[in-house]
Amino acid sequence: MQSPSREERLAVWKAEERAMRDHLSTPGTMTLAQVAGMNPADFFNGISRGEFPHPPFGALVDFIPIEFSDGRFVFQGTPDGRHYNPLGSVHGGYAATLLDSCMGCAIHTMLKPGQGYTTTDLRVSYVRALRGDMGPVRAEGKVVHVGRSTAIAEGRIYDVDDRLYAVGSTTCLILQMPNSL
């Protein structure tokens, strides 16, 4: 079977993004008690179906969740002039934010109700510059290990041609969330 062309793959990516944007609710937050009482799959499905608000930071930086499964999470965004540094390329913080988000959410998918997490270490290696004329990129996070007190994930940012822009890894501390004890 023949692989899809670049144009076909780009059309799929854009259609998936439009479909997700059509389902997302307004940006907002939930209480810690609400999130702590939920199974992670129910939480992320609720965001994807527009039943729960989507995180305000994603709206600020303009990236959205595309898909997730146990131990894996994918965000998509299209860098543009709002994300530029003074040198005329996308600020490294954009890539770091996408990686932190996809890796953290990948870890979140593996937690039990009542558990939370926080990033303790974030490592990013930039492979090539992101630009505002390149179209959408995806940030894909995958869990490497989840233990009792820490979790490790790795991530990568790539475009529709599967060109690599940045890779990262994270260590997260697993917490028992208040109101769930």
C-alpha atoms as a PDB file:
ATOM      1  CA  MET A   1       0.000   0.000   0.000  1.00  0.00           C
ATOM      2  CA  GLN A   2       1.269   3.431  -0.933  1.00  0.00           C
ATOM      3  CA  SER A   3       2.019   5.962   1.797  1.00  0.00           C
ATOM      4  CA  PRO A   4      -0.126   9.097   1.797  1.00  0.00           C
ATOM      5  CA  SER A   5       1.375  12.113   0.048  1.00  0.00           C
ATOM      6  CA  ARG A   6       2.521  15.160   1.983  1.00  0.00           C
ATOM      7  CA  GLU A   7      -0.596  17.031   0.895  1.00  0.00           C
ATOM      8  CA  GLU A   8      -2.864  14.176   2.005  1.00  0.00           C
ATOM      9  CA  ARG A   9      -1.126  13.927   5.391  1.00  0.00           C
ATOM     10  CA  LEU A  10      -1.304  17.705   5.860  1.00  0.00           C
ATOM     11  CA  ALA A  11      -5.012  17.652   5.015  1.00  0.00           C
ATOM     12  CA  VAL A  12      -5.572  14.923   7.623  1.00  0.00           C
ATOM     13  CA  TRP A  13      -3.661  16.888  10.280  1.00  0.00           C
ATOM     14  CA  LYS A  14      -5.660  20.039   9.542  1.00  0.00           C
ATOM     15  CA  ALA A  15      -8.955  18.139   9.549  1.00  0.00           C
ATOM     16  CA  GLU A  16      -8.127  16.500  12.888  1.00  0.00           C
ATOM     17  CA  GLU A  17      -7.289  19.906  14.353  1.00  0.00           C
ATOM     18  CA  ARG A  18     -10.530  21.471  13.034  1.00  0.00           C
ATOM     19  CA  ALA A  19     -12.574  18.573  14.410  1.00  0.00           C
ATOM     20  CA  MET A  20     -10.968  18.905  17.839  1.00  0.00           C
ATOM     21  CA  ARG A  21     -11.393  22.685  17.883  1.00  0.00           C
ATOM     22  CA  ASP A  22     -15.082  22.202  17.023  1.00  0.00           C
ATOM     23  CA  HIS A  23     -15.502  20.021  20.124  1.00  0.00           C
ATOM     24  CA  LEU A  24     -13.443  21.982  22.660  1.00  0.00           C
ATOM     25  CA  SER A  25     -15.263  24.077  25.207  1.00  0.00           C
ATOM     26  CA  THR A  26     -14.082  27.489  26.334  1.00  0.00           C
ATOM     27  CA  PRO A  27     -10.762  27.773  28.155  1.00  0.00           C
ATOM     28  CA  GLY A  28     -10.994  27.364  31.903  1.00  0.00           C
ATOM     29  CA  THR A  29     -10.059  25.238  34.872  1.00  0.00           C
ATOM     30  CA  MET A  30     -11.627  22.718  37.192  1.00  0.00           C
ATOM     31  CA  THR A  31     -11.082  22.416  40.923  1.00  0.00           C
ATOM     32  CA  LEU A  32      -8.355  20.189  42.259  1.00  0.00           C
ATOM     33  CA  ALA A  33     -11.010  18.060  43.969  1.00  0.00           C
ATOM     34  CA  GLN A  34     -12.851  17.531  40.662  1.00  0.00           C
ATOM     35  CA  VAL A  35      -9.728  16.455  38.807  1.00  0.00           C
ATOM     36  CA  ALA A  36      -8.453  14.355  41.722  1.00  0.00           C
ATOM     37  CA  GLY A  37     -11.606  12.271  41.739  1.00  0.00           C
ATOM     38  CA  MET A  38     -11.449  11.340  38.071  1.00  0.00           C
ATOM     39  CA  ASN A  39      -9.886   8.598  36.075  1.00  0.00           C
ATOM     40  CA  PRO A  40      -7.390  10.295  33.687  1.00  0.00           C
ATOM     41  CA  ALA A  41      -9.115   8.852  30.597  1.00  0.00           C
ATOM     42  CA  ASP A  42     -12.448  10.334  31.737  1.00  0.00           C
ATOM     43  CA  PHE A  43     -10.756  13.685  32.358  1.00  0.00           C
ATOM     44  CA  PHE A  44      -9.084  13.875  28.928  1.00  0.00           C
ATOM     45  CA  ASN A  45     -12.152  12.503  27.123  1.00  0.00           C
ATOM     46  CA  GLY A  46     -14.240  15.162  28.871  1.00  0.00           C
ATOM     47  CA  ILE A  47     -11.941  17.880  27.559  1.00  0.00           C
ATOM     48  CA  SER A  48     -11.951  16.354  24.055  1.00  0.00           C
ATOM     49  CA  ARG A  49     -15.760  16.197  23.977  1.00  0.00           C
ATOM     50  CA  GLY A  50     -16.164  19.751  25.274  1.00  0.00           C
ATOM     51  CA  GLU A  51     -17.712  18.615  28.568  1.00  0.00           C
ATOM     52  CA  PHE A  52     -14.871  20.202  30.554  1.00  0.00           C
ATOM     53  CA  PRO A  53     -12.990  23.422  29.831  1.00  0.00           C
ATOM     54  CA  HIS A  54      -9.724  23.101  27.989  1.00  0.00           C
ATOM     55  CA  PRO A  55      -6.615  24.509  29.704  1.00  0.00           C
ATOM     56  CA  PRO A  56      -6.231  28.284  29.289  1.00  0.00           C
ATOM     57  CA  PHE A  57      -2.498  27.963  28.654  1.00  0.00           C
ATOM     58  CA  GLY A  58      -3.149  25.889  25.525  1.00  0.00           C
ATOM     59  CA  ALA A  59      -5.397  28.680  24.271  1.00  0.00           C
ATOM     60  CA  LEU A  60      -2.732  31.276  25.060  1.00  0.00           C
ATOM     61  CA  VAL A  61       0.002  29.450  23.160  1.00  0.00           C
ATOM     62  CA  ASP A  62      -2.532  28.073  20.623  1.00  0.00           C
ATOM     63  CA  PHE A  63      -1.955  24.338  20.717  1.00  0.00           C
ATOM     64  CA  ILE A  64      -4.571  21.667  21.276  1.00  0.00           C
ATOM     65  CA  PRO A  65      -4.769  17.996  22.222  1.00  0.00           C
ATOM     66  CA  ILE A  66      -5.133  15.743  19.199  1.00  0.00           C
ATOM     67  CA  GLU A  67      -5.059  12.226  20.615  1.00  0.00           C
ATOM     68  CA  PHE A  68      -4.104  10.225  23.658  1.00  0.00           C
ATOM     69  CA  SER A  69      -3.914   6.674  24.933  1.00  0.00           C
ATOM     70  CA  ASP A  70      -2.366   5.057  27.990  1.00  0.00           C
ATOM     71  CA  GLY A  71       1.175   6.375  28.196  1.00  0.00           C
ATOM     72  CA  ARG A  72       0.969   8.565  25.068  1.00  0.00           C
ATOM     73  CA  PHE A  73      -0.271  12.095  24.347  1.00  0.00           C
ATOM     74  CA  VAL A  74      -0.145  14.243  21.187  1.00  0.00           C
ATOM     75  CA  PHE A  75      -0.648  18.008  20.894  1.00  0.00           C
ATOM     76  CA  GLN A  76      -0.709  20.021  17.676  1.00  0.00           C
ATOM     77  CA  GLY A  77       0.065  23.668  17.119  1.00  0.00           C
ATOM     78  CA  THR A  78       1.091  25.994  14.341  1.00  0.00           C
ATOM     79  CA  PRO A  79       3.859  28.399  15.312  1.00  0.00           C
ATOM     80  CA  ASP A  80       3.519  31.924  13.974  1.00  0.00           C
ATOM     81  CA  GLY A  81       4.781  35.459  14.538  1.00  0.00           C
ATOM     82  CA  ARG A  82       3.279  35.592  18.055  1.00  0.00           C
ATOM     83  CA  HIS A  83       5.824  32.973  19.083  1.00  0.00           C
ATOM     84  CA  TYR A  84       8.915  34.680  17.637  1.00  0.00           C
ATOM     85  CA  ASN A  85      12.037  35.743  19.495  1.00  0.00           C
ATOM     86  CA  PRO A  86      13.979  38.883  18.502  1.00  0.00           C
ATOM     87  CA  LEU A  87      16.141  36.841  16.108  1.00  0.00           C
ATOM     88  CA  GLY A  88      13.213  35.984  13.810  1.00  0.00           C
ATOM     89  CA  SER A  89      12.538  32.371  14.719  1.00  0.00           C
ATOM     90  CA  VAL A  90      10.123  30.721  17.103  1.00  0.00           C
ATOM     91  CA  HIS A  91      11.214  31.128  20.726  1.00  0.00           C
ATOM     92  CA  GLY A  92      12.638  27.976  22.280  1.00  0.00           C
ATOM     93  CA  GLY A  93      10.053  28.295  25.031  1.00  0.00           C
ATOM     94  CA  TYR A  94       7.338  27.324  22.542  1.00  0.00           C
ATOM     95  CA  ALA A  95       8.995  23.957  21.893  1.00  0.00           C
ATOM     96  CA  ALA A  96       9.776  23.500  25.588  1.00  0.00           C
ATOM     97  CA  THR A  97       6.136  24.205  26.462  1.00  0.00           C
ATOM     98  CA  LEU A  98       4.834  21.722  23.896  1.00  0.00           C
ATOM     99  CA  LEU A  99       7.247  19.063  25.133  1.00  0.00           C
ATOM    100  CA  ASP A 100       6.495  19.705  28.811  1.00  0.00           C
ATOM    101  CA  SER A 101       2.773  19.453  28.059  1.00  0.00           C
ATOM    102  CA  CYS A 102       2.805  16.287  25.941  1.00  0.00           C
ATOM    103  CA  MET A 103       5.179  14.434  28.268  1.00  0.00           C
ATOM    104  CA  GLY A 104       3.326  15.513  31.422  1.00  0.00           C
ATOM    105  CA  CYS A 105      -0.046  14.564  29.952  1.00  0.00           C
ATOM    106  CA  ALA A 106       1.358  11.190  28.836  1.00  0.00           C
ATOM    107  CA  ILE A 107       2.323  10.567  32.457  1.00  0.00           C
ATOM    108  CA  HIS A 108      -1.086  11.800  33.639  1.00  0.00           C
ATOM    109  CA  THR A 109      -2.775   9.113  31.503  1.00  0.00           C
ATOM    110  CA  MET A 110      -1.034   6.456  33.604  1.00  0.00           C
ATOM    111  CA  LEU A 111      -2.009   7.775  37.043  1.00  0.00           C
ATOM    112  CA  LYS A 112      -4.737   6.528  39.333  1.00  0.00           C
ATOM    113  CA  PRO A 113      -7.616   8.699  40.512  1.00  0.00           C
ATOM    114  CA  GLY A 114      -6.320  10.778  43.411  1.00  0.00           C
ATOM    115  CA  GLN A 115      -2.813  11.081  42.006  1.00  0.00           C
ATOM    116  CA  GLY A 116      -1.299  14.164  40.452  1.00  0.00           C
ATOM    117  CA  TYR A 117       2.140  15.096  39.185  1.00  0.00           C
ATOM    118  CA  THR A 118       4.513  17.990  38.831  1.00  0.00           C
ATOM    119  CA  THR A 119       7.550  18.396  36.616  1.00  0.00           C
ATOM    120  CA  THR A 120      10.823  18.208  38.536  1.00  0.00           C
ATOM    121  CA  ASP A 121      13.159  18.150  35.558  1.00  0.00           C
ATOM    122  CA  LEU A 122      12.749  19.118  31.912  1.00  0.00           C
ATOM    123  CA  ARG A 123      15.457  18.561  29.327  1.00  0.00           C
ATOM    124  CA  VAL A 124      15.119  19.855  25.761  1.00  0.00           C
ATOM    125  CA  SER A 125      17.460  19.421  22.811  1.00  0.00           C
ATOM    126  CA  TYR A 126      16.725  21.599  19.798  1.00  0.00           C
ATOM    127  CA  VAL A 127      17.433  19.996  16.438  1.00  0.00           C
ATOM    128  CA  ARG A 128      16.329  22.784  14.074  1.00  0.00           C
ATOM    129  CA  ALA A 129      14.506  26.094  14.303  1.00  0.00           C
ATOM    130  CA  LEU A 130      10.728  26.343  14.174  1.00  0.00           C
ATOM    131  CA  ARG A 131       9.399  29.034  11.831  1.00  0.00           C
ATOM    132  CA  GLY A 132       6.066  30.706  11.357  1.00  0.00           C
ATOM    133  CA  ASP A 133       5.714  29.605   7.736  1.00  0.00           C
ATOM    134  CA  MET A 134       6.125  25.887   8.271  1.00  0.00           C
ATOM    135  CA  GLY A 135       2.583  24.829   9.141  1.00  0.00           C
ATOM    136  CA  PRO A 136       1.501  22.594  11.987  1.00  0.00           C
ATOM    137  CA  VAL A 137       3.797  20.613  14.244  1.00  0.00           C
ATOM    138  CA  ARG A 138       3.006  17.808  16.625  1.00  0.00           C
ATOM    139  CA  ALA A 139       4.445  17.187  20.050  1.00  0.00           C
ATOM    140  CA  GLU A 140       4.227  13.540  21.041  1.00  0.00           C
ATOM    141  CA  GLY A 141       4.987  12.356  24.555  1.00  0.00           C
ATOM    142  CA  LYS A 142       5.502   8.742  25.620  1.00  0.00           C
ATOM    143  CA  VAL A 143       5.937   7.311  29.088  1.00  0.00           C
ATOM    144  CA  VAL A 144       9.200   5.520  29.788  1.00  0.00           C
ATOM    145  CA  HIS A 145       8.546   4.575  33.431  1.00  0.00           C
ATOM    146  CA  VAL A 146       5.956   5.168  36.141  1.00  0.00           C
ATOM    147  CA  GLY A 147       6.912   4.240  39.682  1.00  0.00           C
ATOM    148  CA  ARG A 148       5.410   4.978  43.091  1.00  0.00           C
ATOM    149  CA  SER A 149       6.936   8.417  43.456  1.00  0.00           C
ATOM    150  CA  THR A 150       8.402   9.417  40.085  1.00  0.00           C
ATOM    151  CA  ALA A 151       7.665   9.022  36.396  1.00  0.00           C
ATOM    152  CA  ILE A 152       9.811   9.550  33.306  1.00  0.00           C
ATOM    153  CA  ALA A 153       8.662  10.409  29.791  1.00  0.00           C
ATOM    154  CA  GLU A 154      10.234  11.382  26.503  1.00  0.00           C
ATOM    155  CA  GLY A 155       8.886  13.535  23.715  1.00  0.00           C
ATOM    156  CA  ARG A 156       9.538  14.824  20.262  1.00  0.00           C
ATOM    157  CA  ILE A 157       8.312  17.629  18.023  1.00  0.00           C
ATOM    158  CA  TYR A 158       7.964  16.869  14.324  1.00  0.00           C
ATOM    159  CA  ASP A 159       6.195  18.202  11.248  1.00  0.00           C
ATOM    160  CA  VAL A 160       3.999  16.598   8.609  1.00  0.00           C
ATOM    161  CA  ASP A 161       7.140  15.435   6.774  1.00  0.00           C
ATOM    162  CA  ASP A 162       8.343  13.757   9.993  1.00  0.00           C
ATOM    163  CA  ARG A 163      11.248  16.232  10.288  1.00  0.00           C
ATOM    164  CA  LEU A 164      12.444  16.410  13.863  1.00  0.00           C
ATOM    165  CA  TYR A 165      12.635  19.847  15.549  1.00  0.00           C
ATOM    166  CA  ALA A 166      13.221  19.059  19.208  1.00  0.00           C
ATOM    167  CA  VAL A 167      13.367  16.165  21.623  1.00  0.00           C
ATOM    168  CA  GLY A 168      12.934  16.168  25.352  1.00  0.00           C
ATOM    169  CA  SER A 169      12.667  14.138  28.477  1.00  0.00           C
ATOM    170  CA  THR A 170      11.127  14.805  31.840  1.00  0.00           C
ATOM    171  CA  THR A 171      11.009  13.487  35.348  1.00  0.00           C
ATOM    172  CA  CYS A 172       7.813  14.114  37.259  1.00  0.00           C
ATOM    173  CA  LEU A 173       7.075  13.705  40.936  1.00  0.00           C
ATOM    174  CA  ILE A 174       3.881  11.733  41.564  1.00  0.00           C
ATOM    175  CA  LEU A 175       1.729  13.304  44.275  1.00  0.00           C
ATOM    176  CA  GLN A 176      -1.267  12.270  46.301  1.00  0.00           C
ATOM    177  CA  MET A 177      -3.648  15.106  45.508  1.00  0.00           C
ATOM    178  CA  PRO A 178      -5.404  16.981  48.325  1.00  0.00           C
ATOM    179  CA  ASN A 179      -9.085  16.142  48.766  1.00  0.00           C
ATOM    180  CA  SER A 180      -8.387  12.592  47.654  1.00  0.00           C
ATOM    181  CA  LEU A 181      -6.795  11.236  50.830  1.00  0.00           C
END
